[in-house]
Amino acid sequence: MAGPIAVTGGAGFIGSHVVERMLASGHHVRVLDNLSTGHRANLPAGLDGTFETGDCTNAAWVREALRGCAAVIHLAATPNVQKSLDDPPEILHNNIQATACVLEAARRLGIRRVVLASSAGLYAADEEPPHHEEMTPCPGNPYAVGRYADEALAGVYSRVFGVDTTCLRFFNVYGPRQDPSSPYSGVISVFCRRMLAGQPPVIFGDGLQSRDFIYVGDIAAACSAAALSATACGGKAVNVGTGRSTDLRQLVSVLNDILGTTTQAQFVPARQGEVRHSRADTRRASALLGFTASTPFHVGLKSTVSWMQTAV
């Protein structure tokens, strides 16, 4: 591929794994990040000179930062559901504006492909899994509304302006470098931190609610496949999950196996409106991108725990 592949938000949890994956595959990478939540320490030293510090809501800066790139993997966002409930205008502006700036820069610069991070949060809380891309979106919070708008913009830029776009709907991502202190941190990193400290993980409800947990290395593989695919996706949404679900009681059991502990969960009243079950229909990812998640849950969890043992 002529020109580097840009990764916005490339110093963050998911972005840094995408950068590593692309570099390991022999591709030149350009990272764009404002370092509001990302860290330079997440990135390999070999990125010197290919790191651009700035904000993706600045259209002029984005256009210059992306000049000469062959494709963009757009991960930069404020992925904070609670903050979107507290201050919807700020989250909606930041996330939608950043996506609009990236798509417009791609149009102006002739960049052939933009891959956007979206969310399984677009599926209705009461929809029975597996969740497939033809289901009517029903975002349950302003953050998810913003992702829905991002997908709509991507579709317009594909149909009207000829920028091929792919919208990857991430399910529950976990893995090394996920900050357990973040307000948007996944349940796995939170449980890991508490159990490593000898504290019980806190489960809201009966613990039988289930999620499609996908290892961050598999997310990076999906982003790479979407950026490099010879098949145009034309703005389509594509689930990125494993197609399997694990309930929270099972999660605690597997973590106990890995840690060699017998920690019991603390159960508290359920949270209103919480999704009961989530699981991806992965057929479109396989058909369009040739992608199938390959990391066994126990293996991904062991890698996550190992990292957290050195990070805490």
Protein backbone atom coordinates (compact mmCIF):
# COMPACT_ATOMS: atom_id res chain seq x y z
CA MET A 1 0.00 0.00 0.00
CA ALA A 2 1.43 3.37 -1.04
CA GLY A 3 1.70 5.81 1.84
CA PRO A 4 1.37 5.21 5.58
CA ILE A 5 -1.75 4.04 7.36
CA ALA A 6 -2.97 6.62 9.85
CA VAL A 7 -4.34 5.56 13.23
CA THR A 8 -6.20 8.27 15.09
CA GLY A 9 -6.22 7.69 18.83
CA GLY A 10 -3.21 5.49 18.17
CA ALA A 11 -1.66 6.02 21.61
CA GLY A 12 -4.74 4.67 23.40
CA PHE A 13 -5.70 1.23 24.63
CA ILE A 14 -7.05 -0.16 21.34
CA GLY A 15 -5.10 2.19 19.07
CA SER A 16 -1.68 1.16 20.36
CA HIS A 17 -2.45 -2.49 19.64
CA VAL A 18 -3.57 -1.56 16.13
CA VAL A 19 -0.32 0.35 15.61
CA GLU A 20 1.73 -2.63 16.79
CA ARG A 21 -0.17 -4.95 14.47
CA MET A 22 0.34 -2.73 11.43
CA LEU A 23 4.05 -2.23 12.15
CA ALA A 24 4.55 -5.96 12.66
CA SER A 25 2.96 -6.53 9.23
CA GLY A 26 5.53 -4.22 7.65
CA HIS A 27 3.32 -1.17 7.12
CA HIS A 28 4.30 2.42 7.73
CA VAL A 29 2.08 3.98 10.40
CA ARG A 30 1.26 7.56 11.30
CA VAL A 31 -0.29 8.10 14.74
CA LEU A 32 -2.62 11.02 15.50
CA ASP A 33 -3.47 11.56 19.16
CA ASN A 34 -4.12 14.47 21.51
CA LEU A 35 -2.93 12.36 24.48
CA SER A 36 -6.03 13.18 26.53
CA THR A 37 -6.37 9.51 27.41
CA GLY A 38 -3.58 7.89 25.38
CA HIS A 39 0.09 7.67 26.36
CA ARG A 40 3.27 7.79 24.31
CA ALA A 41 4.55 4.96 26.50
CA ASN A 42 1.98 2.67 24.86
CA LEU A 43 3.79 3.01 21.54
CA PRO A 44 7.02 1.40 20.30
CA ALA A 45 10.10 3.61 20.12
CA GLY A 46 10.26 3.10 16.34
CA LEU A 47 7.45 5.59 15.85
CA ASP A 48 9.70 8.62 16.27
CA GLY A 49 8.85 11.13 13.56
CA THR A 50 5.49 9.54 12.70
CA PHE A 51 3.53 10.86 15.68
CA GLU A 52 1.29 13.89 15.26
CA THR A 53 -0.04 15.58 18.41
CA GLY A 54 -3.31 17.39 17.90
CA ASP A 55 -7.06 17.22 18.10
CA CYS A 56 -9.16 15.50 15.45
CA THR A 57 -11.93 18.07 15.91
CA ASN A 58 -9.62 20.60 14.20
CA ALA A 59 -10.36 20.21 10.48
CA ALA A 60 -7.27 22.04 9.21
CA TRP A 61 -4.93 20.12 11.49
CA VAL A 62 -6.47 16.77 10.54
CA ARG A 63 -6.13 17.53 6.83
CA GLU A 64 -2.42 18.30 7.18
CA ALA A 65 -1.77 15.36 9.52
CA LEU A 66 -3.37 12.92 7.06
CA ARG A 67 -1.69 14.26 3.95
CA GLY A 68 -0.01 11.43 2.03
CA CYS A 69 -1.75 8.62 3.92
CA ALA A 70 -3.26 5.69 2.07
CA ALA A 71 -5.91 4.75 4.64
CA VAL A 72 -7.18 5.83 8.05
CA ILE A 73 -8.22 3.75 11.05
CA HIS A 74 -10.24 6.26 13.07
CA LEU A 75 -10.31 5.35 16.76
CA ALA A 76 -10.02 8.81 18.35
CA ALA A 77 -13.06 9.49 20.53
CA THR A 78 -14.25 10.16 24.05
CA PRO A 79 -15.70 6.70 24.79
CA ASN A 80 -17.44 7.62 28.03
CA VAL A 81 -21.09 6.62 28.40
CA GLN A 82 -21.49 8.24 31.81
CA LYS A 83 -20.01 11.52 30.61
CA SER A 84 -22.37 11.44 27.64
CA LEU A 85 -25.27 11.21 30.09
CA ASP A 86 -23.89 14.07 32.19
CA ASP A 87 -22.98 16.35 29.27
CA PRO A 88 -24.47 15.12 25.97
CA PRO A 89 -23.51 18.19 23.87
CA GLU A 90 -19.81 17.89 24.67
CA ILE A 91 -19.54 14.19 23.83
CA LEU A 92 -21.68 14.49 20.72
CA HIS A 93 -19.68 17.46 19.46
CA ASN A 94 -16.29 15.90 20.14
CA ASN A 95 -16.99 12.51 18.61
CA ILE A 96 -19.13 13.48 15.62
CA GLN A 97 -16.95 16.47 14.77
CA ALA A 98 -13.81 14.34 14.83
CA THR A 99 -15.37 11.79 12.49
CA ALA A 100 -16.59 14.51 10.14
CA CYS A 101 -13.12 16.07 10.02
CA VAL A 102 -11.45 12.73 9.26
CA LEU A 103 -13.94 11.84 6.53
CA GLU A 104 -13.72 15.26 4.92
CA ALA A 105 -9.92 15.17 4.98
CA ALA A 106 -10.04 11.76 3.31
CA ARG A 107 -12.32 13.16 0.59
CA ARG A 108 -10.13 16.20 -0.02
CA LEU A 109 -6.88 14.22 -0.01
CA GLY A 110 -8.07 11.25 -2.06
CA ILE A 111 -7.57 8.71 0.73
CA ARG A 112 -9.22 5.53 -0.48
CA ARG A 113 -10.35 3.90 2.79
CA VAL A 114 -11.51 5.01 6.24
CA VAL A 115 -12.22 2.47 8.97
CA LEU A 116 -14.36 3.80 11.83
CA ALA A 117 -14.73 2.43 15.34
CA SER A 118 -18.38 2.02 16.24
CA SER A 119 -20.12 0.18 19.05
CA ALA A 120 -22.37 -2.75 19.88
CA GLY A 121 -24.16 -0.19 22.04
CA LEU A 122 -26.28 0.58 18.96
CA TYR A 123 -28.26 -2.62 19.52
CA ALA A 124 -31.42 -2.39 21.61
CA ALA A 125 -31.07 -3.54 25.20
CA ASP A 126 -33.99 -5.96 24.82
CA GLU A 127 -32.89 -7.52 21.51
CA GLU A 128 -32.15 -11.23 21.84
CA PRO A 129 -28.69 -12.28 20.62
CA PRO A 130 -27.01 -12.97 18.36
CA HIS A 131 -27.04 -9.34 17.28
CA HIS A 132 -26.73 -8.87 13.53
CA GLU A 133 -26.07 -5.74 11.52
CA GLU A 134 -29.52 -5.61 9.91
CA MET A 135 -31.21 -5.05 13.27
CA THR A 136 -32.67 -1.55 13.64
CA PRO A 137 -30.27 0.55 15.73
CA CYS A 138 -31.66 1.67 19.07
CA PRO A 139 -28.89 3.53 20.90
CA GLY A 140 -29.53 3.78 24.61
CA ASN A 141 -27.37 6.79 25.51
CA PRO A 142 -25.89 9.90 23.85
CA TYR A 143 -22.52 8.22 23.29
CA ALA A 144 -24.19 5.48 21.23
CA VAL A 145 -26.25 8.12 19.40
CA GLY A 146 -22.96 9.69 18.36
CA ARG A 147 -21.74 6.37 17.02
CA TYR A 148 -24.96 6.03 15.06
CA ALA A 149 -24.36 9.47 13.56
CA ASP A 150 -20.77 8.47 12.72
CA GLU A 151 -22.06 5.44 10.81
CA ALA A 152 -24.57 7.58 8.94
CA LEU A 153 -21.81 10.04 7.96
CA ALA A 154 -19.61 7.18 6.80
CA GLY A 155 -22.42 5.92 4.59
CA VAL A 156 -22.85 9.35 3.00
CA TYR A 157 -19.15 9.70 2.32
CA SER A 158 -19.14 6.29 0.64
CA ARG A 159 -22.26 6.79 -1.46
CA VAL A 160 -21.88 10.47 -2.33
CA PHE A 161 -18.15 11.20 -2.20
CA GLY A 162 -16.59 7.85 -3.06
CA VAL A 163 -14.59 7.35 0.15
CA ASP A 164 -14.86 3.66 0.97
CA THR A 165 -15.75 3.31 4.65
CA THR A 166 -16.18 0.45 7.07
CA CYS A 167 -17.87 0.83 10.47
CA LEU A 168 -16.62 -1.74 12.97
CA ARG A 169 -19.05 -2.36 15.82
CA PHE A 170 -16.81 -3.44 18.68
CA PHE A 171 -18.30 -5.69 21.33
CA ASN A 172 -16.74 -5.91 24.84
CA VAL A 173 -13.03 -5.31 24.33
CA TYR A 174 -10.47 -6.32 26.96
CA GLY A 175 -6.72 -6.78 27.18
CA PRO A 176 -3.41 -5.23 28.22
CA ARG A 177 -3.25 -1.42 28.56
CA GLN A 178 -6.92 -1.03 29.40
CA ASP A 179 -7.02 1.39 32.31
CA PRO A 180 -9.08 -0.10 35.16
CA SER A 181 -9.46 3.34 36.72
CA SER A 182 -11.14 4.75 33.62
CA PRO A 183 -14.88 5.46 33.92
CA TYR A 184 -15.34 3.54 30.66
CA SER A 185 -13.14 0.62 31.60
CA GLY A 186 -14.48 -2.81 30.81
CA VAL A 187 -15.71 -5.15 33.52
CA ILE A 188 -12.73 -7.47 32.99
CA SER A 189 -10.09 -4.89 33.87
CA VAL A 190 -12.15 -3.77 36.89
CA PHE A 191 -12.57 -7.35 38.13
CA CYS A 192 -8.86 -8.06 37.55
CA ARG A 193 -7.78 -5.04 39.57
CA ARG A 194 -9.99 -5.92 42.52
CA MET A 195 -9.10 -9.62 42.55
CA LEU A 196 -5.37 -8.88 42.29
CA ALA A 197 -5.80 -6.68 45.35
CA GLY A 198 -7.58 -9.47 47.22
CA GLN A 199 -10.93 -7.70 46.98
CA PRO A 200 -14.20 -9.24 45.76
CA PRO A 201 -15.43 -8.24 42.31
CA VAL A 202 -18.75 -6.41 42.51
CA ILE A 203 -21.57 -7.85 40.40
CA PHE A 204 -24.74 -5.87 39.81
CA GLY A 205 -27.66 -8.29 39.75
CA ASP A 206 -27.47 -12.08 39.62
CA GLY A 207 -24.27 -12.34 37.56
CA LEU A 208 -25.95 -14.29 34.78
CA GLN A 209 -25.85 -11.33 32.41
CA SER A 210 -23.53 -12.23 29.56
CA ARG A 211 -21.23 -10.41 27.17
CA ASP A 212 -19.27 -11.15 24.03
CA PHE A 213 -15.75 -10.47 25.31
CA ILE A 214 -13.18 -9.97 22.55
CA TYR A 215 -9.43 -9.70 23.08
CA VAL A 216 -7.83 -6.45 21.95
CA GLY A 217 -5.39 -8.32 19.70
CA ASP A 218 -8.36 -9.64 17.73
CA ILE A 219 -9.77 -6.11 17.51
CA ALA A 220 -6.43 -5.01 16.03
CA ALA A 221 -6.60 -7.84 13.52
CA ALA A 222 -10.10 -6.77 12.47
CA CYS A 223 -9.00 -3.14 12.02
CA SER A 224 -6.05 -4.28 9.92
CA ALA A 225 -8.27 -6.53 7.79
CA ALA A 226 -10.73 -3.69 7.19
CA ALA A 227 -8.00 -1.21 6.25
CA LEU A 228 -6.27 -3.60 3.86
CA SER A 229 -9.27 -5.45 2.39
CA ALA A 230 -9.49 -5.60 -1.38
CA THR A 231 -13.29 -5.63 -1.03
CA ALA A 232 -15.09 -2.31 -0.78
CA CYS A 233 -17.44 -2.19 2.20
CA GLY A 234 -19.38 0.90 1.09
CA GLY A 235 -20.16 2.20 4.56
CA LYS A 236 -21.44 -1.08 5.92
CA ALA A 237 -21.48 -1.82 9.65
CA VAL A 238 -19.54 -4.92 10.63
CA ASN A 239 -19.71 -6.62 14.03
CA VAL A 240 -16.39 -7.37 15.68
CA GLY A 241 -16.94 -9.99 18.35
CA THR A 242 -16.30 -13.66 18.97
CA GLY A 243 -19.83 -14.96 18.50
CA ARG A 244 -19.61 -16.47 22.01
CA SER A 245 -20.85 -15.11 25.32
CA THR A 246 -19.64 -15.45 28.89
CA ASP A 247 -21.63 -14.55 31.98
CA LEU A 248 -20.08 -12.67 34.89
CA ARG A 249 -20.10 -15.66 37.21
CA GLN A 250 -18.09 -17.59 34.63
CA LEU A 251 -15.70 -14.64 34.30
CA VAL A 252 -14.98 -14.70 38.05
CA SER A 253 -14.44 -18.47 37.90
CA VAL A 254 -11.90 -18.23 35.06
CA LEU A 255 -10.05 -15.39 36.80
CA ASN A 256 -9.86 -17.48 39.97
CA ASP A 257 -8.37 -20.33 37.92
CA ILE A 258 -5.73 -18.03 36.47
CA LEU A 259 -4.89 -16.37 39.79
CA GLY A 260 -5.06 -19.54 41.87
CA THR A 261 -7.59 -17.91 44.18
CA THR A 262 -11.08 -18.64 45.47
CA THR A 263 -12.41 -15.08 45.61
CA GLN A 264 -16.18 -14.84 45.87
CA ALA A 265 -18.10 -12.08 44.11
CA GLN A 266 -20.05 -9.45 46.00
CA PHE A 267 -23.59 -9.14 44.66
CA VAL A 268 -25.43 -5.82 44.75
CA PRO A 269 -28.78 -4.72 43.26
CA ALA A 270 -29.02 -4.71 39.46
CA ARG A 271 -28.66 -1.46 37.53
CA GLN A 272 -31.73 -0.24 35.71
CA GLY A 273 -31.63 -0.53 31.93
CA GLU A 274 -28.55 -2.74 31.76
CA VAL A 275 -28.26 -5.01 28.72
CA ARG A 276 -28.97 -8.58 29.79
CA HIS A 277 -27.20 -10.48 27.03
CA SER A 278 -24.90 -9.42 24.20
CA ARG A 279 -23.39 -11.60 21.50
CA ALA A 280 -22.25 -10.81 17.98
CA ASP A 281 -23.38 -12.40 14.78
CA THR A 282 -19.98 -12.61 13.08
CA ARG A 283 -20.94 -13.82 9.60
CA ARG A 284 -20.50 -10.44 7.90
CA ALA A 285 -17.00 -9.96 9.33
CA SER A 286 -16.03 -13.35 7.99
CA ALA A 287 -17.58 -12.79 4.56
CA LEU A 288 -16.44 -9.19 3.95
CA LEU A 289 -13.15 -9.03 5.83
CA GLY A 290 -12.09 -12.65 6.16
CA PHE A 291 -11.90 -11.99 9.90
CA THR A 292 -12.62 -14.43 12.71
CA ALA A 293 -11.55 -13.84 16.30
CA SER A 294 -8.89 -16.41 17.21
CA THR A 295 -7.85 -15.74 20.82
CA PRO A 296 -9.35 -18.22 23.32
CA PHE A 297 -10.94 -16.47 26.30
CA HIS A 298 -8.65 -18.09 28.86
CA VAL A 299 -5.57 -17.13 26.84
CA GLY A 300 -6.67 -13.51 26.47
CA LEU A 301 -7.51 -13.28 30.17
CA LYS A 302 -4.15 -14.73 31.17
CA SER A 303 -2.36 -12.14 29.03
CA THR A 304 -4.46 -9.38 30.58
CA VAL A 305 -3.77 -10.57 34.13
CA SER A 306 -0.02 -10.84 33.42
CA TRP A 307 0.06 -7.26 32.20
CA MET A 308 -1.94 -5.98 35.16
CA GLN A 309 0.35 -7.74 37.62
CA THR A 310 3.21 -5.61 36.33
CA ALA A 311 1.14 -2.44 35.84
CA VAL A 312 -0.54 -2.21 39.26
